[in-house]
Amino acid sequence: MQEKDLDTRFEEAVEMANTMTQAELPQDVQLRLYALYKQSTHGTINSRVYPVYDLRNAFKMNAWMQISHLTQEECKELYIEAITSLAKKR
């Protein structure tokens, strides 16, 4: 049996995450998942492109900036692991 490639596993994890409700996840977990997803799909944040107008977006931007040292591939793996772990707890 051939192992699925990283992008396929990531897309499957995204689909799984889309079935989860915000009420199921603590806010710190939501922020971590948001940051991992953004770093995975957009790469390192450019704060000039993403202006902050409110507190909620400031937290999201900060979470993304905290993991900006990770590669997109590393973030995809961490996202997959996090979603898989959360799905097992459901």
PDB file of N, CA and C in Angstrom:
ATOM      1  N   MET A   1       0.842  -1.178   0.000  1.00  0.00           N
ATOM      2  CA  MET A   1       0.000   0.000   0.000  1.00  0.00           C
ATOM      3  C   MET A   1       0.889   1.244   0.000  1.00  0.00           C
ATOM      4  N   GLN A   2       0.628   2.150  -0.917  1.00  0.00           N
ATOM      5  CA  GLN A   2       1.440   3.351  -1.034  1.00  0.00           C
ATOM      6  C   GLN A   2       0.946   4.430  -0.068  1.00  0.00           C
ATOM      7  N   GLU A   3       1.884   5.081   0.622  1.00  0.00           N
ATOM      8  CA  GLU A   3       1.529   6.129   1.566  1.00  0.00           C
ATOM      9  C   GLU A   3       1.099   7.384   0.800  1.00  0.00           C
ATOM     10  N   LYS A   4       0.099   8.064   1.329  1.00  0.00           N
ATOM     11  CA  LYS A   4      -0.394   9.280   0.695  1.00  0.00           C
ATOM     12  C   LYS A   4       0.628  10.393   0.845  1.00  0.00           C
ATOM     13  N   ASP A   5       0.672  11.262  -0.149  1.00  0.00           N
ATOM     14  CA  ASP A   5       1.628  12.371  -0.054  1.00  0.00           C
ATOM     15  C   ASP A   5       1.133  13.423   0.934  1.00  0.00           C
ATOM     16  N   LEU A   6       2.021  14.307   1.305  1.00  0.00           N
ATOM     17  CA  LEU A   6       1.749  15.306   2.343  1.00  0.00           C
ATOM     18  C   LEU A   6       0.547  16.177   1.992  1.00  0.00           C
ATOM     19  N   ASP A   7       0.478  16.648   0.759  1.00  0.00           N
ATOM     20  CA  ASP A   7      -0.627  17.523   0.371  1.00  0.00           C
ATOM     21  C   ASP A   7      -1.977  16.822   0.453  1.00  0.00           C
ATOM     22  N   THR A   8      -2.015  15.562   0.080  1.00  0.00           N
ATOM     23  CA  THR A   8      -3.263  14.795   0.158  1.00  0.00           C
ATOM     24  C   THR A   8      -3.686  14.623   1.613  1.00  0.00           C
ATOM     25  N   ARG A   9      -2.730  14.263   2.467  1.00  0.00           N
ATOM     26  CA  ARG A   9      -3.045  14.104   3.892  1.00  0.00           C
ATOM     27  C   ARG A   9      -3.475  15.430   4.516  1.00  0.00           C
ATOM     28  N   PHE A  10      -2.845  16.522   4.079  1.00  0.00           N
ATOM     29  CA  PHE A  10      -3.206  17.843   4.589  1.00  0.00           C
ATOM     30  C   PHE A  10      -4.640  18.191   4.182  1.00  0.00           C
ATOM     31  N   GLU A  11      -4.982  17.981   2.928  1.00  0.00           N
ATOM     32  CA  GLU A  11      -6.342  18.279   2.455  1.00  0.00           C
ATOM     33  C   GLU A  11      -7.379  17.437   3.194  1.00  0.00           C
ATOM     34  N   GLU A  12      -7.063  16.187   3.480  1.00  0.00           N
ATOM     35  CA  GLU A  12      -7.966  15.330   4.246  1.00  0.00           C
ATOM     36  C   GLU A  12      -8.144  15.872   5.666  1.00  0.00           C
ATOM     37  N   ALA A  13      -7.055  16.361   6.256  1.00  0.00           N
ATOM     38  CA  ALA A  13      -7.133  16.940   7.603  1.00  0.00           C
ATOM     39  C   ALA A  13      -7.969  18.213   7.592  1.00  0.00           C
ATOM     40  N   VAL A  14      -7.832  19.013   6.546  1.00  0.00           N
ATOM     41  CA  VAL A  14      -8.639  20.237   6.419  1.00  0.00           C
ATOM     42  C   VAL A  14     -10.123  19.872   6.329  1.00  0.00           C
ATOM     43  N   GLU A  15     -10.439  18.852   5.540  1.00  0.00           N
ATOM     44  CA  GLU A  15     -11.830  18.407   5.433  1.00  0.00           C
ATOM     45  C   GLU A  15     -12.355  17.927   6.788  1.00  0.00           C
ATOM     46  N   MET A  16     -11.523  17.205   7.532  1.00  0.00           N
ATOM     47  CA  MET A  16     -11.903  16.732   8.860  1.00  0.00           C
ATOM     48  C   MET A  16     -12.128  17.916   9.799  1.00  0.00           C
ATOM     49  N   ALA A  17     -11.250  18.911   9.720  1.00  0.00           N
ATOM     50  CA  ALA A  17     -11.358  20.099  10.571  1.00  0.00           C
ATOM     51  C   ALA A  17     -12.644  20.865  10.276  1.00  0.00           C
ATOM     52  N   ASN A  18     -13.054  20.868   9.025  1.00  0.00           N
ATOM     53  CA  ASN A  18     -14.265  21.579   8.640  1.00  0.00           C
ATOM     54  C   ASN A  18     -15.531  20.953   9.221  1.00  0.00           C
ATOM     55  N   THR A  19     -15.428  19.731   9.716  1.00  0.00           N
ATOM     56  CA  THR A  19     -16.583  19.086  10.349  1.00  0.00           C
ATOM     57  C   THR A  19     -16.656  19.401  11.844  1.00  0.00           C
ATOM     58  N   MET A  20     -15.596  20.004  12.372  1.00  0.00           N
ATOM     59  CA  MET A  20     -15.543  20.342  13.795  1.00  0.00           C
ATOM     60  C   MET A  20     -16.161  21.723  14.015  1.00  0.00           C
ATOM     61  N   THR A  21     -16.813  21.879  15.158  1.00  0.00           N
ATOM     62  CA  THR A  21     -17.381  23.178  15.477  1.00  0.00           C
ATOM     63  C   THR A  21     -16.425  23.952  16.378  1.00  0.00           C
ATOM     64  N   GLN A  22     -16.550  25.259  16.355  1.00  0.00           N
ATOM     65  CA  GLN A  22     -15.704  26.077  17.221  1.00  0.00           C
ATOM     66  C   GLN A  22     -15.970  25.773  18.689  1.00  0.00           C
ATOM     67  N   ALA A  23     -17.196  25.408  19.001  1.00  0.00           N
ATOM     68  CA  ALA A  23     -17.550  25.106  20.391  1.00  0.00           C
ATOM     69  C   ALA A  23     -16.778  23.895  20.918  1.00  0.00           C
ATOM     70  N   GLU A  24     -16.368  23.007  20.017  1.00  0.00           N
ATOM     71  CA  GLU A  24     -15.621  21.806  20.424  1.00  0.00           C
ATOM     72  C   GLU A  24     -14.179  22.109  20.790  1.00  0.00           C
ATOM     73  N   LEU A  25     -13.650  23.237  20.313  1.00  0.00           N
ATOM     74  CA  LEU A  25     -12.229  23.513  20.454  1.00  0.00           C
ATOM     75  C   LEU A  25     -11.967  24.737  21.324  1.00  0.00           C
ATOM     76  N   PRO A  26     -11.057  24.622  22.272  1.00  0.00           N
ATOM     77  CA  PRO A  26     -10.674  25.803  23.051  1.00  0.00           C
ATOM     78  C   PRO A  26     -10.064  26.858  22.125  1.00  0.00           C
ATOM     79  N   GLN A  27     -10.131  28.108  22.535  1.00  0.00           N
ATOM     80  CA  GLN A  27      -9.652  29.186  21.681  1.00  0.00           C
ATOM     81  C   GLN A  27      -8.166  29.086  21.368  1.00  0.00           C
ATOM     82  N   ASP A  28      -7.357  28.604  22.314  1.00  0.00           N
ATOM     83  CA  ASP A  28      -5.929  28.479  22.034  1.00  0.00           C
ATOM     84  C   ASP A  28      -5.669  27.433  20.948  1.00  0.00           C
ATOM     85  N   VAL A  29      -6.485  26.383  20.935  1.00  0.00           N
ATOM     86  CA  VAL A  29      -6.359  25.358  19.898  1.00  0.00           C
ATOM     87  C   VAL A  29      -6.796  25.927  18.556  1.00  0.00           C
ATOM     88  N   GLN A  30      -7.879  26.696  18.550  1.00  0.00           N
ATOM     89  CA  GLN A  30      -8.341  27.330  17.316  1.00  0.00           C
ATOM     90  C   GLN A  30      -7.260  28.237  16.735  1.00  0.00           C
ATOM     91  N   LEU A  31      -6.608  29.019  17.592  1.00  0.00           N
ATOM     92  CA  LEU A  31      -5.553  29.921  17.121  1.00  0.00           C
ATOM     93  C   LEU A  31      -4.373  29.140  16.556  1.00  0.00           C
ATOM     94  N   ARG A  32      -4.006  28.070  17.229  1.00  0.00           N
ATOM     95  CA  ARG A  32      -2.885  27.247  16.760  1.00  0.00           C
ATOM     96  C   ARG A  32      -3.204  26.638  15.393  1.00  0.00           C
ATOM     97  N   LEU A  33      -4.417  26.106  15.255  1.00  0.00           N
ATOM     98  CA  LEU A  33      -4.821  25.524  13.972  1.00  0.00           C
ATOM     99  C   LEU A  33      -4.863  26.585  12.876  1.00  0.00           C
ATOM    100  N   TYR A  34      -5.377  27.756  13.214  1.00  0.00           N
ATOM    101  CA  TYR A  34      -5.423  28.857  12.256  1.00  0.00           C
ATOM    102  C   TYR A  34      -4.009  29.184  11.770  1.00  0.00           C
ATOM    103  N   ALA A  35      -3.087  29.346  12.715  1.00  0.00           N
ATOM    104  CA  ALA A  35      -1.710  29.706  12.370  1.00  0.00           C
ATOM    105  C   ALA A  35      -1.057  28.629  11.513  1.00  0.00           C
ATOM    106  N   LEU A  36      -1.233  27.373  11.903  1.00  0.00           N
ATOM    107  CA  LEU A  36      -0.645  26.279  11.122  1.00  0.00           C
ATOM    108  C   LEU A  36      -1.225  26.231   9.719  1.00  0.00           C
ATOM    109  N   TYR A  37      -2.531  26.440   9.610  1.00  0.00           N
ATOM    110  CA  TYR A  37      -3.176  26.431   8.296  1.00  0.00           C
ATOM    111  C   TYR A  37      -2.649  27.570   7.426  1.00  0.00           C
ATOM    112  N   LYS A  38      -2.588  28.771   7.990  1.00  0.00           N
ATOM    113  CA  LYS A  38      -2.131  29.924   7.216  1.00  0.00           C
ATOM    114  C   LYS A  38      -0.669  29.767   6.800  1.00  0.00           C
ATOM    115  N   GLN A  39       0.171  29.303   7.708  1.00  0.00           N
ATOM    116  CA  GLN A  39       1.584  29.107   7.366  1.00  0.00           C
ATOM    117  C   GLN A  39       1.717  28.012   6.307  1.00  0.00           C
ATOM    118  N   SER A  40       0.872  26.990   6.386  1.00  0.00           N
ATOM    119  CA  SER A  40       0.902  25.888   5.416  1.00  0.00           C
ATOM    120  C   SER A  40       0.478  26.336   4.028  1.00  0.00           C
ATOM    121  N   THR A  41      -0.509  27.209   3.978  1.00  0.00           N
ATOM    122  CA  THR A  41      -1.087  27.585   2.682  1.00  0.00           C
ATOM    123  C   THR A  41      -0.552  28.891   2.101  1.00  0.00           C
ATOM    124  N   HIS A  42      -0.084  29.801   2.963  1.00  0.00           N
ATOM    125  CA  HIS A  42       0.373  31.109   2.492  1.00  0.00           C
ATOM    126  C   HIS A  42       1.846  31.373   2.763  1.00  0.00           C
ATOM    127  N   GLY A  43       2.467  30.565   3.610  1.00  0.00           N
ATOM    128  CA  GLY A  43       3.856  30.814   3.968  1.00  0.00           C
ATOM    129  C   GLY A  43       3.957  31.878   5.054  1.00  0.00           C
ATOM    130  N   THR A  44       5.147  32.406   5.232  1.00  0.00           N
ATOM    131  CA  THR A  44       5.410  33.365   6.297  1.00  0.00           C
ATOM    132  C   THR A  44       4.581  34.628   6.127  1.00  0.00           C
ATOM    133  N   ILE A  45       4.031  35.087   7.236  1.00  0.00           N
ATOM    134  CA  ILE A  45       3.162  36.263   7.228  1.00  0.00           C
ATOM    135  C   ILE A  45       3.950  37.533   6.879  1.00  0.00           C
ATOM    136  N   ASN A  46       3.309  38.383   6.120  1.00  0.00           N
ATOM    137  CA  ASN A  46       3.840  39.708   5.826  1.00  0.00           C
ATOM    138  C   ASN A  46       2.902  40.685   6.521  1.00  0.00           C
ATOM    139  N   SER A  47       3.335  41.241   7.640  1.00  0.00           N
ATOM    140  CA  SER A  47       2.451  42.082   8.456  1.00  0.00           C
ATOM    141  C   SER A  47       1.982  43.329   7.724  1.00  0.00           C
ATOM    142  N   ARG A  48       2.662  43.715   6.679  1.00  0.00           N
ATOM    143  CA  ARG A  48       2.210  44.877   5.897  1.00  0.00           C
ATOM    144  C   ARG A  48       1.025  44.532   5.008  1.00  0.00           C
ATOM    145  N   VAL A  49       0.881  43.262   4.682  1.00  0.00           N
ATOM    146  CA  VAL A  49      -0.226  42.830   3.833  1.00  0.00           C
ATOM    147  C   VAL A  49      -1.473  42.539   4.665  1.00  0.00           C
ATOM    148  N   TYR A  50      -1.302  42.195   5.922  1.00  0.00           N
ATOM    149  CA  TYR A  50      -2.405  41.822   6.797  1.00  0.00           C
ATOM    150  C   TYR A  50      -2.538  42.840   7.941  1.00  0.00           C
ATOM    151  N   PRO A  51      -3.138  43.992   7.667  1.00  0.00           N
ATOM    152  CA  PRO A  51      -3.284  44.983   8.747  1.00  0.00           C
ATOM    153  C   PRO A  51      -4.242  44.486   9.831  1.00  0.00           C
ATOM    154  N   VAL A  52      -3.991  44.939  11.054  1.00  0.00           N
ATOM    155  CA  VAL A  52      -4.803  44.513  12.194  1.00  0.00           C
ATOM    156  C   VAL A  52      -5.713  45.664  12.607  1.00  0.00           C
ATOM    157  N   TYR A  53      -7.018  45.405  12.593  1.00  0.00           N
ATOM    158  CA  TYR A  53      -7.988  46.439  12.945  1.00  0.00           C
ATOM    159  C   TYR A  53      -8.751  46.128  14.222  1.00  0.00           C
ATOM    160  N   ASP A  54      -8.625  44.915  14.713  1.00  0.00           N
ATOM    161  CA  ASP A  54      -9.350  44.561  15.924  1.00  0.00           C
ATOM    162  C   ASP A  54      -8.569  43.520  16.723  1.00  0.00           C
ATOM    163  N   LEU A  55      -8.999  43.318  17.946  1.00  0.00           N
ATOM    164  CA  LEU A  55      -8.287  42.422  18.854  1.00  0.00           C
ATOM    165  C   LEU A  55      -8.270  40.979  18.356  1.00  0.00           C
ATOM    166  N   ARG A  56      -9.385  40.520  17.822  1.00  0.00           N
ATOM    167  CA  ARG A  56      -9.460  39.133  17.340  1.00  0.00           C
ATOM    168  C   ARG A  56      -8.406  38.877  16.264  1.00  0.00           C
ATOM    169  N   ASN A  57      -8.312  39.779  15.295  1.00  0.00           N
ATOM    170  CA  ASN A  57      -7.324  39.611  14.231  1.00  0.00           C
ATOM    171  C   ASN A  57      -5.902  39.793  14.737  1.00  0.00           C
ATOM    172  N   ALA A  58      -5.728  40.591  15.767  1.00  0.00           N
ATOM    173  CA  ALA A  58      -4.399  40.748  16.360  1.00  0.00           C
ATOM    174  C   ALA A  58      -3.925  39.429  16.961  1.00  0.00           C
ATOM    175  N   PHE A  59      -4.819  38.709  17.631  1.00  0.00           N
ATOM    176  CA  PHE A  59      -4.469  37.398  18.186  1.00  0.00           C
ATOM    177  C   PHE A  59      -4.140  36.407  17.074  1.00  0.00           C
ATOM    178  N   LYS A  60      -4.920  36.428  16.009  1.00  0.00           N
ATOM    179  CA  LYS A  60      -4.680  35.523  14.889  1.00  0.00           C
ATOM    180  C   LYS A  60      -3.334  35.816  14.232  1.00  0.00           C
ATOM    181  N   MET A  61      -3.062  37.078  14.015  1.00  0.00           N
ATOM    182  CA  MET A  61      -1.804  37.465  13.396  1.00  0.00           C
ATOM    183  C   MET A  61      -0.618  37.095  14.289  1.00  0.00           C
ATOM    184  N   ASN A  62      -0.760  37.314  15.591  1.00  0.00           N
ATOM    185  CA  ASN A  62       0.296  36.969  16.535  1.00  0.00           C
ATOM    186  C   ASN A  62       0.571  35.462  16.532  1.00  0.00           C
ATOM    187  N   ALA A  63      -0.490  34.666  16.506  1.00  0.00           N
ATOM    188  CA  ALA A  63      -0.323  33.208  16.476  1.00  0.00           C
ATOM    189  C   ALA A  63       0.438  32.786  15.220  1.00  0.00           C
ATOM    190  N   TRP A  64       0.101  33.401  14.096  1.00  0.00           N
ATOM    191  CA  TRP A  64       0.771  33.092  12.831  1.00  0.00           C
ATOM    192  C   TRP A  64       2.236  33.526  12.885  1.00  0.00           C
ATOM    193  N   MET A  65       2.490  34.702  13.421  1.00  0.00           N
ATOM    194  CA  MET A  65       3.869  35.192  13.505  1.00  0.00           C
ATOM    195  C   MET A  65       4.732  34.293  14.385  1.00  0.00           C
ATOM    196  N   GLN A  66       4.141  33.707  15.427  1.00  0.00           N
ATOM    197  CA  GLN A  66       4.905  32.858  16.346  1.00  0.00           C
ATOM    198  C   GLN A  66       5.431  31.599  15.689  1.00  0.00           C
ATOM    199  N   ILE A  67       4.803  31.159  14.626  1.00  0.00           N
ATOM    200  CA  ILE A  67       5.272  29.934  13.964  1.00  0.00           C
ATOM    201  C   ILE A  67       5.890  30.226  12.598  1.00  0.00           C
ATOM    202  N   SER A  68       6.162  31.476  12.322  1.00  0.00           N
ATOM    203  CA  SER A  68       6.676  31.862  11.005  1.00  0.00           C
ATOM    204  C   SER A  68       8.061  31.280  10.704  1.00  0.00           C
ATOM    205  N   HIS A  69       8.735  30.771  11.720  1.00  0.00           N
ATOM    206  CA  HIS A  69      10.044  30.153  11.507  1.00  0.00           C
ATOM    207  C   HIS A  69       9.932  28.729  10.951  1.00  0.00           C
ATOM    208  N   LEU A  70       8.728  28.169  10.972  1.00  0.00           N
ATOM    209  CA  LEU A  70       8.520  26.803  10.478  1.00  0.00           C
ATOM    210  C   LEU A  70       8.268  26.816   8.976  1.00  0.00           C
ATOM    211  N   THR A  71       8.663  25.739   8.307  1.00  0.00           N
ATOM    212  CA  THR A  71       8.397  25.626   6.875  1.00  0.00           C
ATOM    213  C   THR A  71       6.933  25.256   6.646  1.00  0.00           C
ATOM    214  N   GLN A  72       6.486  25.433   5.418  1.00  0.00           N
ATOM    215  CA  GLN A  72       5.120  25.055   5.080  1.00  0.00           C
ATOM    216  C   GLN A  72       4.908  23.554   5.286  1.00  0.00           C
ATOM    217  N   GLU A  73       5.902  22.753   4.962  1.00  0.00           N
ATOM    218  CA  GLU A  73       5.792  21.305   5.128  1.00  0.00           C
ATOM    219  C   GLU A  73       5.702  20.920   6.607  1.00  0.00           C
ATOM    220  N   GLU A  74       6.522  21.563   7.440  1.00  0.00           N
ATOM    221  CA  GLU A  74       6.473  21.290   8.878  1.00  0.00           C
ATOM    222  C   GLU A  74       5.088  21.640   9.435  1.00  0.00           C
ATOM    223  N   CYS A  75       4.550  22.750   8.989  1.00  0.00           N
ATOM    224  CA  CYS A  75       3.233  23.177   9.473  1.00  0.00           C
ATOM    225  C   CYS A  75       2.131  22.231   9.014  1.00  0.00           C
ATOM    226  N   LYS A  76       2.247  21.730   7.800  1.00  0.00           N
ATOM    227  CA  LYS A  76       1.257  20.759   7.322  1.00  0.00           C
ATOM    228  C   LYS A  76       1.277  19.510   8.197  1.00  0.00           C
ATOM    229  N   GLU A  77       2.472  19.029   8.516  1.00  0.00           N
ATOM    230  CA  GLU A  77       2.598  17.844   9.379  1.00  0.00           C
ATOM    231  C   GLU A  77       2.009  18.111  10.764  1.00  0.00           C
ATOM    232  N   LEU A  78       2.315  19.277  11.335  1.00  0.00           N
ATOM    233  CA  LEU A  78       1.788  19.621  12.657  1.00  0.00           C
ATOM    234  C   LEU A  78       0.264  19.777  12.618  1.00  0.00           C
ATOM    235  N   TYR A  79      -0.260  20.337  11.560  1.00  0.00           N
ATOM    236  CA  TYR A  79      -1.706  20.493  11.402  1.00  0.00           C
ATOM    237  C   TYR A  79      -2.378  19.122  11.330  1.00  0.00           C
ATOM    238  N   ILE A  80      -1.813  18.242  10.522  1.00  0.00           N
ATOM    239  CA  ILE A  80      -2.350  16.885  10.373  1.00  0.00           C
ATOM    240  C   ILE A  80      -2.354  16.170  11.726  1.00  0.00           C
ATOM    241  N   GLU A  81      -1.245  16.259  12.446  1.00  0.00           N
ATOM    242  CA  GLU A  81      -1.150  15.622  13.763  1.00  0.00           C
ATOM    243  C   GLU A  81      -2.190  16.180  14.730  1.00  0.00           C
ATOM    244  N   ALA A  82      -2.359  17.497  14.734  1.00  0.00           N
ATOM    245  CA  ALA A  82      -3.301  18.128  15.649  1.00  0.00           C
ATOM    246  C   ALA A  82      -4.737  17.710  15.333  1.00  0.00           C
ATOM    247  N   ILE A  83      -5.106  17.738  14.082  1.00  0.00           N
ATOM    248  CA  ILE A  83      -6.476  17.373  13.687  1.00  0.00           C
ATOM    249  C   ILE A  83      -6.735  15.901  13.959  1.00  0.00           C
ATOM    250  N   THR A  84      -5.777  15.058  13.652  1.00  0.00           N
ATOM    251  CA  THR A  84      -5.927  13.623  13.907  1.00  0.00           C
ATOM    252  C   THR A  84      -6.132  13.372  15.399  1.00  0.00           C
ATOM    253  N   SER A  85      -5.347  14.026  16.219  1.00  0.00           N
ATOM    254  CA  SER A  85      -5.452  13.880  17.664  1.00  0.00           C
ATOM    255  C   SER A  85      -6.828  14.362  18.163  1.00  0.00           C
ATOM    256  N   LEU A  86      -7.269  15.500  17.666  1.00  0.00           N
ATOM    257  CA  LEU A  86      -8.578  16.029  18.063  1.00  0.00           C
ATOM    258  C   LEU A  86      -9.720  15.124  17.625  1.00  0.00           C
ATOM    259  N   ALA A  87      -9.589  14.558  16.433  1.00  0.00           N
ATOM    260  CA  ALA A  87     -10.637  13.676  15.907  1.00  0.00           C
ATOM    261  C   ALA A  87     -10.771  12.408  16.749  1.00  0.00           C
ATOM    262  N   LYS A  88      -9.662  11.926  17.285  1.00  0.00           N
ATOM    263  CA  LYS A  88      -9.692  10.723  18.125  1.00  0.00           C
ATOM    264  C   LYS A  88     -10.417  10.980  19.437  1.00  0.00           C
ATOM    265  N   LYS A  89     -10.423  12.231  19.894  1.00  0.00           N
ATOM    266  CA  LYS A  89     -11.061  12.583  21.168  1.00  0.00           C
ATOM    267  C   LYS A  89     -12.571  12.808  21.038  1.00  0.00           C
ATOM    268  N   ARG A  90     -13.065  12.856  19.826  1.00  0.00           N
ATOM    269  CA  ARG A  90     -14.489  13.133  19.595  1.00  0.00           C
ATOM    270  C   ARG A  90     -15.360  11.978  19.990  1.00  0.00           C
TER     271      ARG A  90
END
